[in-house]
Amino acid sequence: HAKGDWIYFLGADDVFFSPTVLEQVSKKLISDDTVYYGNVLFKHSNKTYDGKFNILKLATRNISHQSIFYPNAVFKKYKFNTAYKIFADYHLNIVLFNSEEFKFKYIPITIAIFDDLGTSGSRVKDENFEKDRNAIFEKHFPRLVYLYRILRSKIANQISHR
């Protein structure tokens, strides 16, 4: 139902980093075929997350939803997969990152303060996403990136079971 040119999501327990952040970001929003993203500051750990993403980085973790400005055109064509209660945004970012219609551009601005003790910041599992993860990666990433992700997961599982 959003009618604006840009769509942004801010969680109920998150806040903008500064009173001028929207003004700063608005000067960077140039192209309606580009998803712009910056950083967030984790409220409790006081860490900045997470800089510029490439395909390998996205294969291992998501761009913070509180740092992304989507052009409205994204939601004219794509929707969140609501079967993924926690990682619907991650799924959408994977689809968009590898589409030919949209580009991602990093802007070096801290956008929001993210409550890293909230649901998204916790270790709560999104069981549907976890079940579909490999198939999602296989469908949307080049074969070598998919294999990289699988290998990384296997190594992480081996380390955690020691």
C-alpha atoms as a PDB file:
ATOM      1  CA  HIS A   1       0.000   0.000   0.000  1.00  0.00           C
ATOM      2  CA  ALA A   2       3.010   2.313   0.185  1.00  0.00           C
ATOM      3  CA  LYS A   3       2.800   5.125  -2.352  1.00  0.00           C
ATOM      4  CA  GLY A   4       6.198   6.813  -1.953  1.00  0.00           C
ATOM      5  CA  ASP A   5       9.240   6.419  -4.161  1.00  0.00           C
ATOM      6  CA  TRP A   6      11.254   4.668  -1.429  1.00  0.00           C
ATOM      7  CA  ILE A   7      10.314   2.092   1.194  1.00  0.00           C
ATOM      8  CA  TYR A   8      12.118   1.676   4.499  1.00  0.00           C
ATOM      9  CA  PHE A   9      11.418  -0.633   7.436  1.00  0.00           C
ATOM     10  CA  LEU A  10      12.233   0.299  11.026  1.00  0.00           C
ATOM     11  CA  GLY A  11      11.537  -2.211  13.790  1.00  0.00           C
ATOM     12  CA  ALA A  12       9.432  -1.183  16.790  1.00  0.00           C
ATOM     13  CA  ASP A  13      12.465  -1.462  19.082  1.00  0.00           C
ATOM     14  CA  ASP A  14      14.882   0.313  16.696  1.00  0.00           C
ATOM     15  CA  VAL A  15      15.566   4.042  16.188  1.00  0.00           C
ATOM     16  CA  PHE A  16      17.253   6.215  13.595  1.00  0.00           C
ATOM     17  CA  PHE A  17      20.927   6.796  14.329  1.00  0.00           C
ATOM     18  CA  SER A  18      20.555  10.577  14.188  1.00  0.00           C
ATOM     19  CA  PRO A  19      17.827  13.160  13.599  1.00  0.00           C
ATOM     20  CA  THR A  20      19.385  14.013  10.211  1.00  0.00           C
ATOM     21  CA  VAL A  21      19.892  10.503   8.849  1.00  0.00           C
ATOM     22  CA  LEU A  22      16.927  10.638   6.455  1.00  0.00           C
ATOM     23  CA  GLU A  23      18.153  13.952   5.081  1.00  0.00           C
ATOM     24  CA  GLN A  24      21.650  12.493   4.590  1.00  0.00           C
ATOM     25  CA  VAL A  25      20.342   9.354   2.906  1.00  0.00           C
ATOM     26  CA  SER A  26      17.815  11.164   0.694  1.00  0.00           C
ATOM     27  CA  LYS A  27      20.702  12.909  -1.081  1.00  0.00           C
ATOM     28  CA  LYS A  28      22.098   9.482  -2.053  1.00  0.00           C
ATOM     29  CA  LEU A  29      18.855   7.955  -3.406  1.00  0.00           C
ATOM     30  CA  ILE A  30      19.356   8.592  -7.097  1.00  0.00           C
ATOM     31  CA  SER A  31      18.314   5.588  -9.157  1.00  0.00           C
ATOM     32  CA  ASP A  32      15.012   3.727  -8.917  1.00  0.00           C
ATOM     33  CA  ASP A  33      16.668   0.471  -9.991  1.00  0.00           C
ATOM     34  CA  THR A  34      19.032   0.502  -7.012  1.00  0.00           C
ATOM     35  CA  VAL A  35      18.586  -0.767  -3.474  1.00  0.00           C
ATOM     36  CA  TYR A  36      20.628   1.494  -1.188  1.00  0.00           C
ATOM     37  CA  TYR A  37      21.945   0.311   2.150  1.00  0.00           C
ATOM     38  CA  GLY A  38      24.228   1.511   4.906  1.00  0.00           C
ATOM     39  CA  ASN A  39      25.166   0.333   8.376  1.00  0.00           C
ATOM     40  CA  VAL A  40      23.409  -0.156  11.675  1.00  0.00           C
ATOM     41  CA  LEU A  41      24.780   0.149  15.170  1.00  0.00           C
ATOM     42  CA  PHE A  42      23.985  -2.788  17.435  1.00  0.00           C
ATOM     43  CA  LYS A  43      22.484  -1.211  20.542  1.00  0.00           C
ATOM     44  CA  HIS A  44      23.790  -3.616  23.185  1.00  0.00           C
ATOM     45  CA  SER A  45      27.101  -4.805  21.751  1.00  0.00           C
ATOM     46  CA  ASN A  46      27.894  -1.314  20.376  1.00  0.00           C
ATOM     47  CA  LYS A  47      29.205  -2.807  17.113  1.00  0.00           C
ATOM     48  CA  THR A  48      28.667  -1.381  13.650  1.00  0.00           C
ATOM     49  CA  TYR A  49      27.196  -3.851  11.142  1.00  0.00           C
ATOM     50  CA  ASP A  50      28.329  -4.432   8.399  1.00  0.00           C
ATOM     51  CA  GLY A  51      29.787  -2.427   5.576  1.00  0.00           C
ATOM     52  CA  LYS A  52      29.750  -3.204   1.896  1.00  0.00           C
ATOM     53  CA  PHE A  53      28.350  -6.572   0.798  1.00  0.00           C
ATOM     54  CA  ASN A  54      29.409  -8.730  -2.104  1.00  0.00           C
ATOM     55  CA  ILE A  55      27.900 -12.014  -3.201  1.00  0.00           C
ATOM     56  CA  LEU A  56      30.082 -14.117  -0.864  1.00  0.00           C
ATOM     57  CA  LYS A  57      29.254 -11.969   2.145  1.00  0.00           C
ATOM     58  CA  LEU A  58      25.531 -12.146   1.354  1.00  0.00           C
ATOM     59  CA  ALA A  59      25.842 -15.933   1.123  1.00  0.00           C
ATOM     60  CA  THR A  60      26.850 -15.978   4.794  1.00  0.00           C
ATOM     61  CA  ARG A  61      24.768 -13.194   6.360  1.00  0.00           C
ATOM     62  CA  ASN A  62      22.058 -10.677   5.587  1.00  0.00           C
ATOM     63  CA  ILE A  63      22.174  -6.945   5.118  1.00  0.00           C
ATOM     64  CA  SER A  64      20.387  -5.429   8.106  1.00  0.00           C
ATOM     65  CA  HIS A  65      16.804  -4.665   7.211  1.00  0.00           C
ATOM     66  CA  GLN A  66      17.062  -1.416   9.185  1.00  0.00           C
ATOM     67  CA  SER A  67      19.783  -0.171   6.834  1.00  0.00           C
ATOM     68  CA  ILE A  68      18.011  -0.686   3.490  1.00  0.00           C
ATOM     69  CA  PHE A  69      16.065   1.726   1.308  1.00  0.00           C
ATOM     70  CA  TYR A  70      14.147  -0.131  -1.395  1.00  0.00           C
ATOM     71  CA  PRO A  71      12.830   1.650  -4.470  1.00  0.00           C
ATOM     72  CA  ASN A  72       9.060   1.230  -4.663  1.00  0.00           C
ATOM     73  CA  ALA A  73       9.603  -0.629  -7.959  1.00  0.00           C
ATOM     74  CA  VAL A  74      10.907  -3.616  -5.975  1.00  0.00           C
ATOM     75  CA  PHE A  75       7.505  -4.223  -4.394  1.00  0.00           C
ATOM     76  CA  LYS A  76       5.643  -3.793  -7.653  1.00  0.00           C
ATOM     77  CA  LYS A  77       7.362  -6.993  -8.799  1.00  0.00           C
ATOM     78  CA  TYR A  78       8.455  -8.836  -5.625  1.00  0.00           C
ATOM     79  CA  LYS A  79       6.864  -9.625  -2.289  1.00  0.00           C
ATOM     80  CA  PHE A  80       8.220 -10.915   0.988  1.00  0.00           C
ATOM     81  CA  ASN A  81       7.837 -14.654   1.361  1.00  0.00           C
ATOM     82  CA  THR A  82       5.826 -14.623   4.579  1.00  0.00           C
ATOM     83  CA  ALA A  83       6.532 -18.310   5.161  1.00  0.00           C
ATOM     84  CA  TYR A  84       9.873 -16.993   6.443  1.00  0.00           C
ATOM     85  CA  LYS A  85       8.840 -15.304   9.688  1.00  0.00           C
ATOM     86  CA  ILE A  86      12.313 -13.935  10.524  1.00  0.00           C
ATOM     87  CA  PHE A  87      14.265 -14.144   7.261  1.00  0.00           C
ATOM     88  CA  ALA A  88      11.711 -12.894   4.708  1.00  0.00           C
ATOM     89  CA  ASP A  89      13.954  -9.862   4.148  1.00  0.00           C
ATOM     90  CA  TYR A  90      17.041 -12.063   3.713  1.00  0.00           C
ATOM     91  CA  HIS A  91      15.235 -14.137   1.106  1.00  0.00           C
ATOM     92  CA  LEU A  92      14.149 -10.995  -0.754  1.00  0.00           C
ATOM     93  CA  ASN A  93      17.676  -9.567  -0.633  1.00  0.00           C
ATOM     94  CA  ILE A  94      19.086 -12.791  -2.089  1.00  0.00           C
ATOM     95  CA  VAL A  95      16.551 -12.703  -4.920  1.00  0.00           C
ATOM     96  CA  LEU A  96      17.179  -9.004  -5.632  1.00  0.00           C
ATOM     97  CA  PHE A  97      20.966  -9.159  -5.322  1.00  0.00           C
ATOM     98  CA  ASN A  98      21.100 -11.714  -8.081  1.00  0.00           C
ATOM     99  CA  SER A  99      18.407 -10.209 -10.309  1.00  0.00           C
ATOM    100  CA  GLU A 100      19.221  -8.264 -13.431  1.00  0.00           C
ATOM    101  CA  GLU A 101      16.596  -5.634 -12.625  1.00  0.00           C
ATOM    102  CA  PHE A 102      18.091  -4.188  -9.438  1.00  0.00           C
ATOM    103  CA  LYS A 103      21.533  -3.242  -8.162  1.00  0.00           C
ATOM    104  CA  PHE A 104      22.700  -2.786  -4.585  1.00  0.00           C
ATOM    105  CA  LYS A 105      24.731   0.257  -3.588  1.00  0.00           C
ATOM    106  CA  TYR A 106      26.439   0.751  -0.250  1.00  0.00           C
ATOM    107  CA  ILE A 107      26.318   4.205   1.294  1.00  0.00           C
ATOM    108  CA  PRO A 108      28.748   4.667   4.205  1.00  0.00           C
ATOM    109  CA  ILE A 109      26.179   6.061   6.633  1.00  0.00           C
ATOM    110  CA  THR A 110      24.970   4.516   9.895  1.00  0.00           C
ATOM    111  CA  ILE A 111      21.216   4.457   9.406  1.00  0.00           C
ATOM    112  CA  ALA A 112      19.735   3.040  12.601  1.00  0.00           C
ATOM    113  CA  ILE A 113      20.404   1.677  16.045  1.00  0.00           C
ATOM    114  CA  PHE A 114      19.292  -1.952  15.956  1.00  0.00           C
ATOM    115  CA  ASP A 115      18.195  -3.728  19.127  1.00  0.00           C
ATOM    116  CA  ASP A 116      20.418  -6.799  18.882  1.00  0.00           C
ATOM    117  CA  LEU A 117      18.527  -8.418  21.783  1.00  0.00           C
ATOM    118  CA  GLY A 118      15.215  -8.360  19.877  1.00  0.00           C
ATOM    119  CA  THR A 119      13.781 -11.289  17.902  1.00  0.00           C
ATOM    120  CA  SER A 120      15.820 -10.687  14.731  1.00  0.00           C
ATOM    121  CA  GLY A 121      19.022 -10.175  16.712  1.00  0.00           C
ATOM    122  CA  SER A 122      18.567 -13.313  18.767  1.00  0.00           C
ATOM    123  CA  ARG A 123      19.503 -16.824  17.775  1.00  0.00           C
ATOM    124  CA  VAL A 124      15.845 -17.754  17.183  1.00  0.00           C
ATOM    125  CA  LYS A 125      15.602 -20.041  14.166  1.00  0.00           C
ATOM    126  CA  ASP A 126      13.377 -19.455  11.179  1.00  0.00           C
ATOM    127  CA  GLU A 127      12.597 -23.127  10.625  1.00  0.00           C
ATOM    128  CA  ASN A 128      11.024 -22.678   7.184  1.00  0.00           C
ATOM    129  CA  PHE A 129      13.992 -20.669   5.943  1.00  0.00           C
ATOM    130  CA  GLU A 130      16.451 -23.173   7.406  1.00  0.00           C
ATOM    131  CA  LYS A 131      14.585 -25.995   5.675  1.00  0.00           C
ATOM    132  CA  ASP A 132      14.722 -24.160   2.326  1.00  0.00           C
ATOM    133  CA  ARG A 133      18.115 -22.456   2.732  1.00  0.00           C
ATOM    134  CA  ASN A 134      20.164 -24.722   0.471  1.00  0.00           C
ATOM    135  CA  ALA A 135      17.511 -24.725  -2.251  1.00  0.00           C
ATOM    136  CA  ILE A 136      17.278 -20.903  -2.078  1.00  0.00           C
ATOM    137  CA  PHE A 137      21.034 -20.548  -2.392  1.00  0.00           C
ATOM    138  CA  GLU A 138      21.240 -23.109  -5.174  1.00  0.00           C
ATOM    139  CA  LYS A 139      18.503 -21.314  -7.142  1.00  0.00           C
ATOM    140  CA  HIS A 140      19.743 -17.746  -6.698  1.00  0.00           C
ATOM    141  CA  PHE A 141      23.524 -17.943  -6.449  1.00  0.00           C
ATOM    142  CA  PRO A 142      26.097 -19.046  -9.006  1.00  0.00           C
ATOM    143  CA  ARG A 143      27.208 -22.648  -8.500  1.00  0.00           C
ATOM    144  CA  LEU A 144      30.575 -21.756  -6.921  1.00  0.00           C
ATOM    145  CA  VAL A 145      28.935 -19.417  -4.400  1.00  0.00           C
ATOM    146  CA  TYR A 146      26.370 -22.089  -3.549  1.00  0.00           C
ATOM    147  CA  LEU A 147      29.173 -24.626  -2.993  1.00  0.00           C
ATOM    148  CA  TYR A 148      31.086 -22.078  -0.897  1.00  0.00           C
ATOM    149  CA  ARG A 149      28.006 -21.645   1.315  1.00  0.00           C
ATOM    150  CA  ILE A 150      27.530 -25.417   1.691  1.00  0.00           C
ATOM    151  CA  LEU A 151      31.200 -25.960   2.558  1.00  0.00           C
ATOM    152  CA  ARG A 152      31.154 -23.103   5.079  1.00  0.00           C
ATOM    153  CA  SER A 153      28.057 -24.558   6.747  1.00  0.00           C
ATOM    154  CA  LYS A 154      29.612 -28.005   7.008  1.00  0.00           C
ATOM    155  CA  ILE A 155      32.800 -26.588   8.543  1.00  0.00           C
ATOM    156  CA  ALA A 156      30.790 -24.483  11.014  1.00  0.00           C
ATOM    157  CA  ASN A 157      28.749 -27.545  12.026  1.00  0.00           C
ATOM    158  CA  GLN A 158      31.915 -29.588  12.560  1.00  0.00           C
ATOM    159  CA  ILE A 159      33.433 -26.865  14.733  1.00  0.00           C
ATOM    160  CA  SER A 160      30.264 -26.410  16.812  1.00  0.00           C
ATOM    161  CA  HIS A 161      30.009 -30.147  17.491  1.00  0.00           C
ATOM    162  CA  ARG A 162      33.483 -30.390  18.990  1.00  0.00           C
END
